[in-house]
């Protein structure tokens, strides 16, 4: 019996890397991609192949470009014949006033955070429908649920991802495909390393759990959603230590 396959975007570091390692430990073959950090992907591939004995494809490219992603997913399907689990994790942030944001900055964050989700789902869903099974897990943010000052574009794209998740779940439920999102709070990744020590401490004090979340905790939840809960569909699951 062939192993299950997971396709993960934004996998070179942070949450995406943690997810790749967790799924490899569970015996999944991997297809992973990021924008341009081939060296980090190659290091991750070596790690999962040597430690867990799984197969791993690596790709670099813009997830917001449909034709780039078609080539990547076509190669993935040629290798494994199927994608059992799709994890849309690509994401960038922009912090600043809306009035200081250029149209180019806006389009870049929309393409990376939201258009990428359309691209990957549009390309991966047909084979899931054909097989009448599949899991799609979108890595979102609590700011997509309630919005954040000075993060209008980020909040808008994550809010769009949440609505996309709920709508696609309804569309695909008759095909036994579950679509859910994990709305992350403050997770200890490079995306949050811009915070000063004082700002980080102030933020920690706002979180009832008294700490930042860990990428490994997000990865564990993603695996749980992939392996179980066939009746859970269209949910935006907040993982934020009680923060929002």
C-alpha atoms as a PDB file:
ATOM      1  CA  UNK A   1       0.000   0.000   0.000  1.00  0.00           C
ATOM      2  CA  UNK A   2       1.421   3.370  -1.011  1.00  0.00           C
ATOM      3  CA  UNK A   3       2.157   5.999   1.583  1.00  0.00           C
ATOM      4  CA  UNK A   4       0.001   9.084   1.883  1.00  0.00           C
ATOM      5  CA  UNK A   5       1.285  12.288   0.330  1.00  0.00           C
ATOM      6  CA  UNK A   6       1.172  15.836   1.659  1.00  0.00           C
ATOM      7  CA  UNK A   7       1.834  18.998  -0.338  1.00  0.00           C
ATOM      8  CA  UNK A   8       2.979  21.978   1.753  1.00  0.00           C
ATOM      9  CA  UNK A   9       3.611  25.548   0.640  1.00  0.00           C
ATOM     10  CA  UNK A  10       5.915  27.908   2.533  1.00  0.00           C
ATOM     11  CA  UNK A  11       7.787  24.916   3.923  1.00  0.00           C
ATOM     12  CA  UNK A  12      11.349  26.217   4.237  1.00  0.00           C
ATOM     13  CA  UNK A  13      10.989  27.555   7.782  1.00  0.00           C
ATOM     14  CA  UNK A  14       8.664  28.287  10.677  1.00  0.00           C
ATOM     15  CA  UNK A  15       5.256  26.645  10.725  1.00  0.00           C
ATOM     16  CA  UNK A  16       5.662  25.083   7.286  1.00  0.00           C
ATOM     17  CA  UNK A  17       8.922  23.406   8.228  1.00  0.00           C
ATOM     18  CA  UNK A  18       7.446  22.090  11.476  1.00  0.00           C
ATOM     19  CA  UNK A  19       4.476  20.673   9.570  1.00  0.00           C
ATOM     20  CA  UNK A  20       6.765  18.958   7.066  1.00  0.00           C
ATOM     21  CA  UNK A  21       8.763  17.314   9.850  1.00  0.00           C
ATOM     22  CA  UNK A  22       5.645  16.173  11.695  1.00  0.00           C
ATOM     23  CA  UNK A  23       4.048  14.630   8.620  1.00  0.00           C
ATOM     24  CA  UNK A  24       7.316  12.928   7.677  1.00  0.00           C
ATOM     25  CA  UNK A  25       7.473  11.441  11.178  1.00  0.00           C
ATOM     26  CA  UNK A  26       3.962  10.097  10.578  1.00  0.00           C
ATOM     27  CA  UNK A  27       5.138   8.367   7.389  1.00  0.00           C
ATOM     28  CA  UNK A  28       3.903  10.734   4.696  1.00  0.00           C
ATOM     29  CA  UNK A  29       5.790  11.347   1.467  1.00  0.00           C
ATOM     30  CA  UNK A  30       6.256  15.077   1.003  1.00  0.00           C
ATOM     31  CA  UNK A  31       6.170  17.633  -1.764  1.00  0.00           C
ATOM     32  CA  UNK A  32       7.307  20.967  -0.349  1.00  0.00           C
ATOM     33  CA  UNK A  33       7.869  24.381  -1.849  1.00  0.00           C
ATOM     34  CA  UNK A  34       8.833  27.941  -1.009  1.00  0.00           C
ATOM     35  CA  UNK A  35       9.525  31.092  -2.966  1.00  0.00           C
ATOM     36  CA  UNK A  36      13.283  30.918  -3.449  1.00  0.00           C
ATOM     37  CA  UNK A  37      15.199  29.376  -0.535  1.00  0.00           C
ATOM     38  CA  UNK A  38      16.318  26.165  -2.209  1.00  0.00           C
ATOM     39  CA  UNK A  39      19.137  25.563   0.294  1.00  0.00           C
ATOM     40  CA  UNK A  40      16.737  25.456   3.243  1.00  0.00           C
ATOM     41  CA  UNK A  41      14.390  23.117   1.403  1.00  0.00           C
ATOM     42  CA  UNK A  42      17.267  20.819   0.473  1.00  0.00           C
ATOM     43  CA  UNK A  43      18.379  20.713   4.111  1.00  0.00           C
ATOM     44  CA  UNK A  44      14.850  19.818   5.162  1.00  0.00           C
ATOM     45  CA  UNK A  45      14.630  17.124   2.490  1.00  0.00           C
ATOM     46  CA  UNK A  46      17.874  15.547   3.687  1.00  0.00           C
ATOM     47  CA  UNK A  47      16.581  15.570   7.249  1.00  0.00           C
ATOM     48  CA  UNK A  48      13.235  13.923   6.540  1.00  0.00           C
ATOM     49  CA  UNK A  49      14.667  11.349   4.145  1.00  0.00           C
ATOM     50  CA  UNK A  50      17.458  10.272   6.488  1.00  0.00           C
ATOM     51  CA  UNK A  51      15.451  10.327   9.716  1.00  0.00           C
ATOM     52  CA  UNK A  52      12.100   9.009   8.553  1.00  0.00           C
ATOM     53  CA  UNK A  53      12.785   7.116   5.317  1.00  0.00           C
ATOM     54  CA  UNK A  54      10.136   8.965   3.324  1.00  0.00           C
ATOM     55  CA  UNK A  55      10.363  10.472  -0.132  1.00  0.00           C
ATOM     56  CA  UNK A  56      10.477  14.245  -0.551  1.00  0.00           C
ATOM     57  CA  UNK A  57      10.207  16.508  -3.585  1.00  0.00           C
ATOM     58  CA  UNK A  58      11.318  20.145  -3.316  1.00  0.00           C
ATOM     59  CA  UNK A  59      10.366  23.101  -5.489  1.00  0.00           C
ATOM     60  CA  UNK A  60      10.929  26.837  -5.508  1.00  0.00           C
ATOM     61  CA  UNK A  61       8.492  29.223  -7.125  1.00  0.00           C
ATOM     62  CA  UNK A  62       5.840  31.869  -6.598  1.00  0.00           C
ATOM     63  CA  UNK A  63       2.710  30.241  -5.176  1.00  0.00           C
ATOM     64  CA  UNK A  64       0.747  33.269  -6.369  1.00  0.00           C
ATOM     65  CA  UNK A  65       1.548  32.400 -10.002  1.00  0.00           C
ATOM     66  CA  UNK A  66      -0.928  29.843 -11.350  1.00  0.00           C
ATOM     67  CA  UNK A  67       1.318  28.553 -14.129  1.00  0.00           C
ATOM     68  CA  UNK A  68       4.252  28.056 -11.761  1.00  0.00           C
ATOM     69  CA  UNK A  69       2.076  26.094  -9.370  1.00  0.00           C
ATOM     70  CA  UNK A  70       0.552  24.032 -12.159  1.00  0.00           C
ATOM     71  CA  UNK A  71       4.016  22.858 -13.118  1.00  0.00           C
ATOM     72  CA  UNK A  72       4.883  22.035  -9.495  1.00  0.00           C
ATOM     73  CA  UNK A  73       1.671  20.159  -8.745  1.00  0.00           C
ATOM     74  CA  UNK A  74       1.810  18.339 -12.089  1.00  0.00           C
ATOM     75  CA  UNK A  75       5.281  17.078 -11.164  1.00  0.00           C
ATOM     76  CA  UNK A  76       4.043  16.068  -7.721  1.00  0.00           C
ATOM     77  CA  UNK A  77       1.170  14.071  -9.195  1.00  0.00           C
ATOM     78  CA  UNK A  78       3.488  12.477 -11.742  1.00  0.00           C
ATOM     79  CA  UNK A  79       5.652  11.222  -8.867  1.00  0.00           C
ATOM     80  CA  UNK A  80       3.013  10.162  -6.337  1.00  0.00           C
ATOM     81  CA  UNK A  81      -0.216   9.909  -8.405  1.00  0.00           C
ATOM     82  CA  UNK A  82      -2.130  11.701  -5.663  1.00  0.00           C
ATOM     83  CA  UNK A  83      -2.098  14.433  -3.061  1.00  0.00           C
ATOM     84  CA  UNK A  84      -3.909  13.242   0.059  1.00  0.00           C
ATOM     85  CA  UNK A  85      -3.387  16.399   2.085  1.00  0.00           C
ATOM     86  CA  UNK A  86      -2.902  19.967   0.832  1.00  0.00           C
ATOM     87  CA  UNK A  87      -1.575  22.489   3.323  1.00  0.00           C
ATOM     88  CA  UNK A  88      -1.667  26.120   2.239  1.00  0.00           C
ATOM     89  CA  UNK A  89       0.881  27.789   4.470  1.00  0.00           C
ATOM     90  CA  UNK A  90       2.499  30.449   2.252  1.00  0.00           C
ATOM     91  CA  UNK A  91       2.184  33.828   3.884  1.00  0.00           C
ATOM     92  CA  UNK A  92       3.811  37.217   4.315  1.00  0.00           C
ATOM     93  CA  UNK A  93       2.949  40.142   6.544  1.00  0.00           C
ATOM     94  CA  UNK A  94       2.918  43.899   6.052  1.00  0.00           C
ATOM     95  CA  UNK A  95       2.909  46.189   9.055  1.00  0.00           C
ATOM     96  CA  UNK A  96       2.166  49.850   8.511  1.00  0.00           C
ATOM     97  CA  UNK A  97      -0.581  52.352   7.843  1.00  0.00           C
ATOM     98  CA  UNK A  98      -2.886  51.604   4.943  1.00  0.00           C
ATOM     99  CA  UNK A  99      -2.146  55.080   3.563  1.00  0.00           C
ATOM    100  CA  UNK A 100       1.556  54.221   3.380  1.00  0.00           C
ATOM    101  CA  UNK A 101       0.969  50.996   1.462  1.00  0.00           C
ATOM    102  CA  UNK A 102       1.634  50.989  -2.272  1.00  0.00           C
ATOM    103  CA  UNK A 103      -0.626  49.207  -4.761  1.00  0.00           C
ATOM    104  CA  UNK A 104       2.325  46.926  -5.518  1.00  0.00           C
ATOM    105  CA  UNK A 105       2.655  45.964  -1.838  1.00  0.00           C
ATOM    106  CA  UNK A 106      -1.075  45.284  -1.681  1.00  0.00           C
ATOM    107  CA  UNK A 107      -1.029  43.051  -4.751  1.00  0.00           C
ATOM    108  CA  UNK A 108       2.018  41.171  -3.505  1.00  0.00           C
ATOM    109  CA  UNK A 109       0.424  40.230  -0.195  1.00  0.00           C
ATOM    110  CA  UNK A 110      -2.883  39.324  -1.875  1.00  0.00           C
ATOM    111  CA  UNK A 111      -1.090  37.062  -4.354  1.00  0.00           C
ATOM    112  CA  UNK A 112       1.038  35.364  -1.700  1.00  0.00           C
ATOM    113  CA  UNK A 113      -1.565  34.928   1.019  1.00  0.00           C
ATOM    114  CA  UNK A 114      -4.805  34.422  -0.900  1.00  0.00           C
ATOM    115  CA  UNK A 115      -4.330  33.835  -4.636  1.00  0.00           C
ATOM    116  CA  UNK A 116      -1.915  31.054  -3.723  1.00  0.00           C
ATOM    117  CA  UNK A 117      -4.742  29.259  -1.916  1.00  0.00           C
ATOM    118  CA  UNK A 118      -6.929  29.424  -5.021  1.00  0.00           C
ATOM    119  CA  UNK A 119      -4.071  28.216  -7.209  1.00  0.00           C
ATOM    120  CA  UNK A 120      -3.207  25.191  -5.080  1.00  0.00           C
ATOM    121  CA  UNK A 121      -6.808  24.190  -4.434  1.00  0.00           C
ATOM    122  CA  UNK A 122      -7.800  24.621  -8.074  1.00  0.00           C
ATOM    123  CA  UNK A 123      -4.947  22.331  -9.109  1.00  0.00           C
ATOM    124  CA  UNK A 124      -5.130  19.714  -6.340  1.00  0.00           C
ATOM    125  CA  UNK A 125      -8.884  19.339  -5.902  1.00  0.00           C
ATOM    126  CA  UNK A 126      -9.745  17.484  -9.157  1.00  0.00           C
ATOM    127  CA  UNK A 127      -7.755  14.391  -8.203  1.00  0.00           C
ATOM    128  CA  UNK A 128      -9.262  14.489  -4.699  1.00  0.00           C
ATOM    129  CA  UNK A 129     -12.765  14.606  -6.180  1.00  0.00           C
ATOM    130  CA  UNK A 130     -11.912  11.736  -8.497  1.00  0.00           C
ATOM    131  CA  UNK A 131     -10.748   9.640  -5.544  1.00  0.00           C
ATOM    132  CA  UNK A 132     -13.586  10.871  -3.302  1.00  0.00           C
ATOM    133  CA  UNK A 133     -11.252  11.752  -0.455  1.00  0.00           C
ATOM    134  CA  UNK A 134      -8.831  14.434   0.635  1.00  0.00           C
ATOM    135  CA  UNK A 135      -7.957  17.011   3.257  1.00  0.00           C
ATOM    136  CA  UNK A 136      -7.214  20.702   2.769  1.00  0.00           C
ATOM    137  CA  UNK A 137      -5.774  22.648   5.703  1.00  0.00           C
ATOM    138  CA  UNK A 138      -5.268  26.392   5.418  1.00  0.00           C
ATOM    139  CA  UNK A 139      -2.915  28.135   7.829  1.00  0.00           C
ATOM    140  CA  UNK A 140      -4.696  31.356   8.701  1.00  0.00           C
ATOM    141  CA  UNK A 141      -4.517  33.929  11.492  1.00  0.00           C
ATOM    142  CA  UNK A 142      -6.676  35.293  14.265  1.00  0.00           C
ATOM    143  CA  UNK A 143      -6.388  38.639  12.471  1.00  0.00           C
ATOM    144  CA  UNK A 144      -8.479  37.103   9.718  1.00  0.00           C
ATOM    145  CA  UNK A 145     -11.234  36.703  12.309  1.00  0.00           C
ATOM    146  CA  UNK A 146     -11.144  40.126  13.936  1.00  0.00           C
ATOM    147  CA  UNK A 147      -8.659  42.381  12.096  1.00  0.00           C
ATOM    148  CA  UNK A 148      -5.533  44.146  13.335  1.00  0.00           C
ATOM    149  CA  UNK A 149      -4.621  47.816  13.231  1.00  0.00           C
ATOM    150  CA  UNK A 150      -1.721  48.518  10.860  1.00  0.00           C
ATOM    151  CA  UNK A 151      -2.185  45.060   9.319  1.00  0.00           C
ATOM    152  CA  UNK A 152      -5.151  45.763   7.074  1.00  0.00           C
ATOM    153  CA  UNK A 153      -3.852  43.856   4.053  1.00  0.00           C
ATOM    154  CA  UNK A 154      -2.748  40.860   6.115  1.00  0.00           C
ATOM    155  CA  UNK A 155      -6.075  40.776   7.949  1.00  0.00           C
ATOM    156  CA  UNK A 156      -7.996  41.084   4.678  1.00  0.00           C
ATOM    157  CA  UNK A 157      -6.158  38.203   3.049  1.00  0.00           C
ATOM    158  CA  UNK A 158      -6.529  35.944   6.072  1.00  0.00           C
ATOM    159  CA  UNK A 159     -10.189  36.888   6.344  1.00  0.00           C
ATOM    160  CA  UNK A 160     -10.508  35.962   2.686  1.00  0.00           C
ATOM    161  CA  UNK A 161      -8.795  32.657   3.402  1.00  0.00           C
ATOM    162  CA  UNK A 162     -11.288  31.945   6.178  1.00  0.00           C
ATOM    163  CA  UNK A 163     -14.274  32.658   3.918  1.00  0.00           C
ATOM    164  CA  UNK A 164     -12.641  30.598   1.152  1.00  0.00           C
ATOM    165  CA  UNK A 165     -12.263  27.718   3.611  1.00  0.00           C
ATOM    166  CA  UNK A 166     -15.896  27.784   4.659  1.00  0.00           C
ATOM    167  CA  UNK A 167     -17.237  28.089   1.116  1.00  0.00           C
ATOM    168  CA  UNK A 168     -15.013  25.383  -0.371  1.00  0.00           C
ATOM    169  CA  UNK A 169     -15.852  23.034   2.488  1.00  0.00           C
ATOM    170  CA  UNK A 170     -19.533  23.225   1.548  1.00  0.00           C
ATOM    171  CA  UNK A 171     -18.673  22.657  -2.095  1.00  0.00           C
ATOM    172  CA  UNK A 172     -16.469  19.629  -1.484  1.00  0.00           C
ATOM    173  CA  UNK A 173     -18.237  17.927   1.428  1.00  0.00           C
ATOM    174  CA  UNK A 174     -20.297  15.700  -0.912  1.00  0.00           C
ATOM    175  CA  UNK A 175     -16.977  14.381  -2.282  1.00  0.00           C
ATOM    176  CA  UNK A 176     -15.739  13.403   1.194  1.00  0.00           C
ATOM    177  CA  UNK A 177     -13.157  16.208   1.224  1.00  0.00           C
ATOM    178  CA  UNK A 178     -12.706  18.247   4.378  1.00  0.00           C
ATOM    179  CA  UNK A 179     -11.476  21.847   4.272  1.00  0.00           C
ATOM    180  CA  UNK A 180     -10.513  23.521   7.544  1.00  0.00           C
ATOM    181  CA  UNK A 181      -8.304  26.377   8.683  1.00  0.00           C
ATOM    182  CA  UNK A 182      -6.058  26.924  11.674  1.00  0.00           C
ATOM    183  CA  UNK A 183      -6.226  30.548  12.792  1.00  0.00           C
ATOM    184  CA  UNK A 184      -2.916  31.062  14.530  1.00  0.00           C
ATOM    185  CA  UNK A 185      -2.297  33.596  17.248  1.00  0.00           C
ATOM    186  CA  UNK A 186       1.198  34.711  18.220  1.00  0.00           C
ATOM    187  CA  UNK A 187       3.425  31.847  17.124  1.00  0.00           C
ATOM    188  CA  UNK A 188       7.150  31.935  17.803  1.00  0.00           C
ATOM    189  CA  UNK A 189       8.418  32.191  14.218  1.00  0.00           C
ATOM    190  CA  UNK A 190      10.672  34.517  12.260  1.00  0.00           C
ATOM    191  CA  UNK A 191       7.605  36.520  11.205  1.00  0.00           C
ATOM    192  CA  UNK A 192       7.362  37.797  14.786  1.00  0.00           C
ATOM    193  CA  UNK A 193      11.066  38.338  15.375  1.00  0.00           C
ATOM    194  CA  UNK A 194      10.756  42.015  14.421  1.00  0.00           C
ATOM    195  CA  UNK A 195       9.280  42.621  17.873  1.00  0.00           C
ATOM    196  CA  UNK A 196      11.531  44.275  20.421  1.00  0.00           C
ATOM    197  CA  UNK A 197      12.023  42.512  23.752  1.00  0.00           C
ATOM    198  CA  UNK A 198       9.671  45.003  25.412  1.00  0.00           C
ATOM    199  CA  UNK A 199       6.997  44.567  22.747  1.00  0.00           C
ATOM    200  CA  UNK A 200       7.300  40.805  22.957  1.00  0.00           C
ATOM    201  CA  UNK A 201       6.906  40.919  26.735  1.00  0.00           C
ATOM    202  CA  UNK A 202       3.857  43.194  26.483  1.00  0.00           C
ATOM    203  CA  UNK A 203       2.275  40.877  23.943  1.00  0.00           C
ATOM    204  CA  UNK A 204       2.990  37.823  26.077  1.00  0.00           C
ATOM    205  CA  UNK A 205       1.218  39.494  28.992  1.00  0.00           C
ATOM    206  CA  UNK A 206      -1.905  39.911  26.813  1.00  0.00           C
ATOM    207  CA  UNK A 207      -2.086  36.183  26.092  1.00  0.00           C
ATOM    208  CA  UNK A 208      -3.937  34.234  28.804  1.00  0.00           C
ATOM    209  CA  UNK A 209      -1.675  31.217  28.233  1.00  0.00           C
ATOM    210  CA  UNK A 210       1.273  33.465  29.139  1.00  0.00           C
ATOM    211  CA  UNK A 211       3.441  32.525  26.168  1.00  0.00           C
ATOM    212  CA  UNK A 212       3.757  32.419  22.387  1.00  0.00           C
ATOM    213  CA  UNK A 213       2.629  29.271  20.625  1.00  0.00           C
ATOM    214  CA  UNK A 214       5.149  26.925  19.033  1.00  0.00           C
ATOM    215  CA  UNK A 215       5.303  25.853  15.375  1.00  0.00           C
ATOM    216  CA  UNK A 216       5.322  22.241  16.546  1.00  0.00           C
ATOM    217  CA  UNK A 217       1.945  22.773  18.205  1.00  0.00           C
ATOM    218  CA  UNK A 218       0.448  24.023  14.938  1.00  0.00           C
ATOM    219  CA  UNK A 219       2.005  21.047  13.150  1.00  0.00           C
ATOM    220  CA  UNK A 220       0.456  18.613  15.624  1.00  0.00           C
ATOM    221  CA  UNK A 221      -2.987  20.111  15.072  1.00  0.00           C
ATOM    222  CA  UNK A 222      -2.523  19.990  11.297  1.00  0.00           C
ATOM    223  CA  UNK A 223      -1.670  16.285  11.457  1.00  0.00           C
ATOM    224  CA  UNK A 224      -4.665  15.633  13.690  1.00  0.00           C
ATOM    225  CA  UNK A 225      -6.955  17.324  11.154  1.00  0.00           C
ATOM    226  CA  UNK A 226      -5.370  15.317   8.353  1.00  0.00           C
ATOM    227  CA  UNK A 227      -5.712  11.969  10.089  1.00  0.00           C
ATOM    228  CA  UNK A 228      -9.102  12.272  11.802  1.00  0.00           C
ATOM    229  CA  UNK A 229     -12.356  14.212  12.044  1.00  0.00           C
ATOM    230  CA  UNK A 230     -14.128  13.328   8.798  1.00  0.00           C
ATOM    231  CA  UNK A 231     -17.221  15.180  10.058  1.00  0.00           C
ATOM    232  CA  UNK A 232     -15.332  18.379  10.877  1.00  0.00           C
ATOM    233  CA  UNK A 233     -15.568  20.633   7.862  1.00  0.00           C
ATOM    234  CA  UNK A 234     -15.458  24.358   7.157  1.00  0.00           C
ATOM    235  CA  UNK A 235     -14.096  25.211  10.604  1.00  0.00           C
ATOM    236  CA  UNK A 236     -11.786  28.091  11.516  1.00  0.00           C
ATOM    237  CA  UNK A 237      -9.958  26.695  14.530  1.00  0.00           C
ATOM    238  CA  UNK A 238      -8.304  29.359  16.662  1.00  0.00           C
ATOM    239  CA  UNK A 239      -4.978  28.363  18.159  1.00  0.00           C
ATOM    240  CA  UNK A 240      -4.044  31.405  20.183  1.00  0.00           C
ATOM    241  CA  UNK A 241      -3.740  30.554  23.871  1.00  0.00           C
ATOM    242  CA  UNK A 242      -7.053  32.249  24.591  1.00  0.00           C
ATOM    243  CA  UNK A 243      -5.777  35.575  23.227  1.00  0.00           C
ATOM    244  CA  UNK A 244      -8.693  36.640  20.982  1.00  0.00           C
END
